[in-house]
Amino acid sequence: MKIIPPKPFTFEAGKRAVLLLHGFTGNTNDVKRLGRYLTDRNYTVHAPLYKGHGVDPKTLIQTNPTEWWDSVIEGYDTLHSLGYEEIAVAGVSLGGIFSLKLGVERPTKAIVTMSAPAIAKSPESLQQRIVEYAINYKKLAGTYNPTEDHPERVADLVQMPSLDYLQGMINDTSNKLDTIQAPVHILRGLQDDDYYCESADLIYSAVKSRIKSVKTFINSGHILTLGQERDLVFEEVYRFFEGLKWKE
């Protein structure tokens, strides 16, 4: 079976712009429904695809977090080049911490984080995500062999050397959260790992934004934009952005 790789997308509508960021080992399909929802309500949205994501795992492990971050900056610059001066950002998981990093480094109208990591996590747990990605990719491609493709063997084939650097990037961003003053809305799923729920508390405590809030979705797991409460998540993101004072 041939896998059609996901692509970046831009949906132009109104004068308000939102950058949408997917997670580690995810892709733009994770935020496309949210993008459509916002566009239908007169927001322009753009979602970059991080380098190496959405394709075969051997390509992914040859990229590094700096290149993924470059994809985020390119996405921000895409909206800026289209004439949008005020750019809000919303991201899932790694996209959430990238959203906060953007708030540290670039003028940002507002930030929505969803299941963002903000506490030290072992590279081993990140490596496990790569293994899961590789196995799922094989299943989608129709090349999965349950006898040969057991996690231990796959792990040997998809070692990613840059995961220590990724964790360092997360830690560095967490240490700079007190420089953020843009409005911040933090979303989390109660069915997610405790690590992400605790990260939400850390983010809320650390940012110095005058406007900041936390919303918990009781029946949701990690990827809030794909979970059973996704429609409520979409509405929550929209209402937060609607409550801001935008230039007209």
Protein backbone atom coordinates (compact mmCIF):
# COMPACT_ATOMS: atom_id res chain seq x y z
CA MET A 1 0.00 0.00 0.00
CA LYS A 2 1.34 3.40 -0.97
CA ILE A 3 1.19 5.95 1.84
CA ILE A 4 0.32 9.48 0.78
CA PRO A 5 2.51 11.76 2.91
CA PRO A 6 0.80 14.64 4.71
CA LYS A 7 1.59 18.19 3.69
CA PRO A 8 1.66 21.65 5.25
CA PHE A 9 -1.60 23.51 4.75
CA THR A 10 -2.81 27.10 4.63
CA PHE A 11 -6.49 28.05 4.82
CA GLU A 12 -7.00 31.76 4.26
CA ALA A 13 -10.15 33.43 5.57
CA GLY A 14 -10.16 36.47 7.85
CA LYS A 15 -7.61 38.98 9.10
CA ARG A 16 -6.77 36.99 12.24
CA ALA A 17 -3.98 34.44 11.81
CA VAL A 18 -3.24 31.27 13.76
CA LEU A 19 -0.21 29.00 13.44
CA LEU A 20 -1.09 25.36 14.19
CA LEU A 21 1.65 22.97 15.35
CA HIS A 22 1.51 19.17 15.49
CA GLY A 23 3.37 16.87 17.85
CA PHE A 24 6.48 14.68 17.86
CA THR A 25 6.03 11.80 15.35
CA GLY A 26 2.69 13.37 14.39
CA ASN A 27 1.79 15.39 11.31
CA THR A 28 -0.50 18.13 10.05
CA ASN A 29 -3.50 15.79 9.95
CA ASP A 30 -3.51 16.03 13.75
CA VAL A 31 -4.54 19.69 13.56
CA LYS A 32 -6.39 19.83 10.22
CA ARG A 33 -9.89 19.55 11.71
CA LEU A 34 -9.10 22.34 14.13
CA GLY A 35 -7.80 24.35 11.19
CA ARG A 36 -11.05 23.86 9.27
CA TYR A 37 -13.06 24.77 12.34
CA LEU A 38 -11.20 28.06 12.79
CA THR A 39 -11.28 28.87 9.09
CA ASP A 40 -15.06 28.40 9.04
CA ARG A 41 -15.14 31.08 11.74
CA ASN A 42 -13.11 33.58 9.73
CA TYR A 43 -9.56 32.78 10.89
CA THR A 44 -6.62 32.25 8.57
CA VAL A 45 -4.57 29.23 9.63
CA HIS A 46 -1.26 27.71 8.60
CA ALA A 47 0.21 24.41 9.75
CA PRO A 48 3.83 23.53 8.89
CA LEU A 49 5.01 19.94 8.67
CA TYR A 50 8.20 19.34 10.64
CA LYS A 51 11.06 18.02 8.56
CA GLY A 52 11.11 14.21 8.50
CA HIS A 53 7.59 13.81 9.88
CA GLY A 54 4.80 11.98 8.12
CA VAL A 55 7.24 9.86 6.11
CA ASP A 56 9.18 6.63 6.66
CA PRO A 57 10.91 6.27 10.05
CA LYS A 58 14.39 6.01 8.52
CA THR A 59 13.93 9.53 7.16
CA LEU A 60 12.60 10.79 10.48
CA ILE A 61 15.57 9.58 12.52
CA GLN A 62 17.96 11.39 10.17
CA THR A 63 16.44 14.75 11.13
CA ASN A 64 16.87 16.63 14.38
CA PRO A 65 14.93 18.99 16.67
CA THR A 66 16.66 22.08 15.31
CA GLU A 67 15.29 21.27 11.85
CA TRP A 68 11.81 20.75 13.30
CA TRP A 69 12.04 24.12 15.01
CA ASP A 70 13.16 25.66 11.73
CA SER A 71 9.91 24.32 10.23
CA VAL A 72 7.98 26.19 12.94
CA ILE A 73 9.81 29.45 12.20
CA GLU A 74 9.21 28.98 8.48
CA GLY A 75 5.51 28.55 9.25
CA TYR A 76 5.44 31.73 11.31
CA ASP A 77 7.28 33.59 8.55
CA THR A 78 4.79 32.24 5.98
CA LEU A 79 1.93 33.95 7.78
CA HIS A 80 3.98 37.10 8.23
CA SER A 81 4.82 37.16 4.51
CA LEU A 82 1.10 36.96 3.72
CA GLY A 83 0.65 40.24 5.57
CA TYR A 84 -0.48 39.08 9.00
CA GLU A 85 1.03 41.20 11.77
CA GLU A 86 -0.75 39.52 14.68
CA ILE A 87 -0.14 35.78 14.82
CA ALA A 88 -1.52 33.48 17.50
CA VAL A 89 -0.26 29.92 17.90
CA ALA A 90 -1.80 26.65 19.08
CA GLY A 91 0.09 23.38 19.37
CA VAL A 92 -0.39 19.78 20.45
CA SER A 93 2.22 17.94 22.56
CA LEU A 94 5.65 18.95 21.17
CA GLY A 95 3.71 21.56 19.20
CA GLY A 96 2.59 22.92 22.56
CA ILE A 97 6.11 23.46 23.88
CA PHE A 98 7.10 24.82 20.46
CA SER A 99 4.20 27.27 20.81
CA LEU A 100 5.66 28.45 24.11
CA LYS A 101 9.15 28.63 22.60
CA LEU A 102 7.69 30.82 19.86
CA GLY A 103 6.20 33.03 22.57
CA VAL A 104 9.68 33.37 24.07
CA GLU A 105 11.41 34.21 20.79
CA ARG A 106 8.87 35.95 18.52
CA PRO A 107 6.01 38.46 18.88
CA THR A 108 2.98 36.26 19.52
CA LYS A 109 -0.63 37.38 19.88
CA ALA A 110 -1.62 34.48 22.13
CA ILE A 111 -0.68 30.88 22.88
CA VAL A 112 -2.74 27.72 23.28
CA THR A 113 -0.89 24.65 24.50
CA MET A 114 -2.48 21.20 24.35
CA SER A 115 -0.81 18.34 26.26
CA ALA A 116 2.51 20.16 26.20
CA PRO A 117 5.61 18.61 27.83
CA ALA A 118 7.43 20.93 30.21
CA ILE A 119 9.15 18.62 32.70
CA ALA A 120 12.31 16.55 32.21
CA LYS A 121 11.55 13.26 30.46
CA SER A 122 13.92 10.43 29.65
CA PRO A 123 15.23 10.02 26.10
CA GLU A 124 14.20 6.35 26.44
CA SER A 125 10.54 7.31 26.59
CA LEU A 126 10.99 9.50 23.51
CA GLN A 127 12.76 6.65 21.73
CA GLN A 128 9.75 4.45 22.45
CA ARG A 129 7.64 6.91 20.47
CA ILE A 130 9.95 6.37 17.50
CA VAL A 131 9.53 2.60 17.79
CA GLU A 132 5.74 2.94 17.89
CA TYR A 133 5.88 5.26 14.89
CA ALA A 134 7.98 2.75 12.92
CA ILE A 135 5.65 -0.15 13.69
CA ASN A 136 2.53 1.85 12.84
CA TYR A 137 4.14 3.01 9.61
CA LYS A 138 4.85 -0.58 8.62
CA LYS A 139 1.25 -1.53 9.34
CA LEU A 140 -0.07 1.31 7.20
CA ALA A 141 2.32 0.39 4.39
CA GLY A 142 1.32 -3.28 4.58
CA THR A 143 4.88 -4.40 5.31
CA TYR A 144 4.44 -5.31 8.99
CA ASN A 145 5.60 -8.81 9.91
CA PRO A 146 4.57 -9.71 13.49
CA THR A 147 7.30 -12.34 13.66
CA GLU A 148 10.16 -10.08 12.64
CA ASP A 149 8.92 -6.61 13.60
CA HIS A 150 8.81 -6.98 17.36
CA PRO A 151 9.63 -3.78 19.33
CA GLU A 152 13.12 -4.90 20.40
CA ARG A 153 14.26 -5.52 16.84
CA VAL A 154 12.63 -2.36 15.50
CA ALA A 155 14.29 -0.34 18.28
CA ASP A 156 17.71 -1.43 17.02
CA LEU A 157 16.86 -0.18 13.53
CA VAL A 158 15.47 3.24 14.43
CA GLN A 159 17.81 4.64 17.04
CA MET A 160 17.56 8.43 17.07
CA PRO A 161 20.69 10.13 18.42
CA SER A 162 19.23 13.63 18.83
CA LEU A 163 16.66 12.87 21.53
CA ASP A 164 18.92 14.20 24.30
CA TYR A 165 19.00 17.49 22.43
CA LEU A 166 15.20 17.48 22.15
CA GLN A 167 14.88 17.08 25.89
CA GLY A 168 17.37 19.91 26.35
CA MET A 169 15.26 22.11 24.09
CA ILE A 170 12.17 21.36 26.18
CA ASN A 171 14.03 22.12 29.41
CA ASP A 172 15.47 25.34 28.02
CA THR A 173 12.01 26.55 27.00
CA SER A 174 10.59 25.65 30.41
CA ASN A 175 13.31 27.71 32.06
CA LYS A 176 12.29 30.76 30.02
CA LEU A 177 8.53 30.57 30.55
CA ASP A 178 8.69 33.53 32.91
CA THR A 179 9.55 35.76 29.95
CA ILE A 180 6.17 35.09 28.30
CA GLN A 181 3.59 37.82 28.69
CA ALA A 182 1.20 36.96 25.85
CA PRO A 183 -2.16 35.44 26.86
CA VAL A 184 -1.80 31.69 27.45
CA HIS A 185 -4.52 29.02 27.55
CA ILE A 186 -3.41 25.55 28.67
CA LEU A 187 -5.47 22.49 27.71
CA ARG A 188 -4.98 18.99 29.06
CA GLY A 189 -6.74 15.62 29.00
CA LEU A 190 -7.46 13.90 32.29
CA GLN A 191 -6.88 10.50 30.63
CA ASP A 192 -3.40 11.55 29.53
CA ASP A 193 -0.22 10.54 31.34
CA ASP A 194 0.27 12.37 34.65
CA TYR A 195 3.47 13.84 33.21
CA TYR A 196 1.47 16.09 30.87
CA CYS A 197 -1.05 17.09 33.52
CA GLU A 198 1.81 18.10 35.84
CA SER A 199 3.44 19.96 32.95
CA ALA A 200 0.24 21.99 32.56
CA ASP A 201 0.49 23.10 36.20
CA LEU A 202 4.15 24.04 35.74
CA ILE A 203 3.38 26.12 32.65
CA TYR A 204 0.54 27.93 34.39
CA SER A 205 2.72 28.76 37.39
CA ALA A 206 5.73 29.86 35.34
CA VAL A 207 4.30 32.18 32.68
CA LYS A 208 3.88 35.80 33.69
CA SER A 209 0.95 36.47 31.40
CA ARG A 210 -1.79 38.68 32.83
CA ILE A 211 -4.28 36.47 31.00
CA LYS A 212 -3.67 32.76 31.62
CA SER A 213 -5.93 29.79 32.23
CA VAL A 214 -6.11 25.99 32.36
CA LYS A 215 -8.90 23.78 31.01
CA THR A 216 -9.14 20.05 31.69
CA PHE A 217 -11.07 17.67 29.43
CA ILE A 218 -12.25 14.76 31.55
CA ASN A 219 -12.64 12.14 28.82
CA SER A 220 -9.65 13.04 26.65
CA GLY A 221 -6.19 11.53 26.30
CA HIS A 222 -3.05 12.95 24.75
CA ILE A 223 -3.93 14.19 21.25
CA LEU A 224 -6.82 16.44 22.20
CA THR A 225 -7.56 17.44 18.61
CA LEU A 226 -8.34 13.83 17.67
CA GLY A 227 -10.04 12.62 20.86
CA GLN A 228 -13.71 12.08 21.62
CA GLU A 229 -14.03 15.61 23.03
CA ARG A 230 -12.35 17.25 20.04
CA ASP A 231 -15.40 19.37 19.20
CA LEU A 232 -15.29 20.84 22.72
CA VAL A 233 -11.55 21.41 22.31
CA PHE A 234 -12.10 23.25 19.02
CA GLU A 235 -14.75 25.46 20.62
CA GLU A 236 -12.46 26.16 23.57
CA VAL A 237 -9.62 27.28 21.29
CA TYR A 238 -11.97 29.44 19.25
CA ARG A 239 -13.55 31.11 22.28
CA PHE A 240 -10.13 31.91 23.71
CA PHE A 241 -9.02 33.60 20.51
CA GLU A 242 -12.37 35.40 20.21
CA GLY A 243 -11.86 36.89 23.66
CA LEU A 244 -8.72 38.71 22.55
CA LYS A 245 -8.55 42.26 21.29
CA TRP A 246 -7.34 42.00 17.69
CA LYS A 247 -6.41 44.81 15.35
CA GLU A 248 -9.08 45.23 12.70
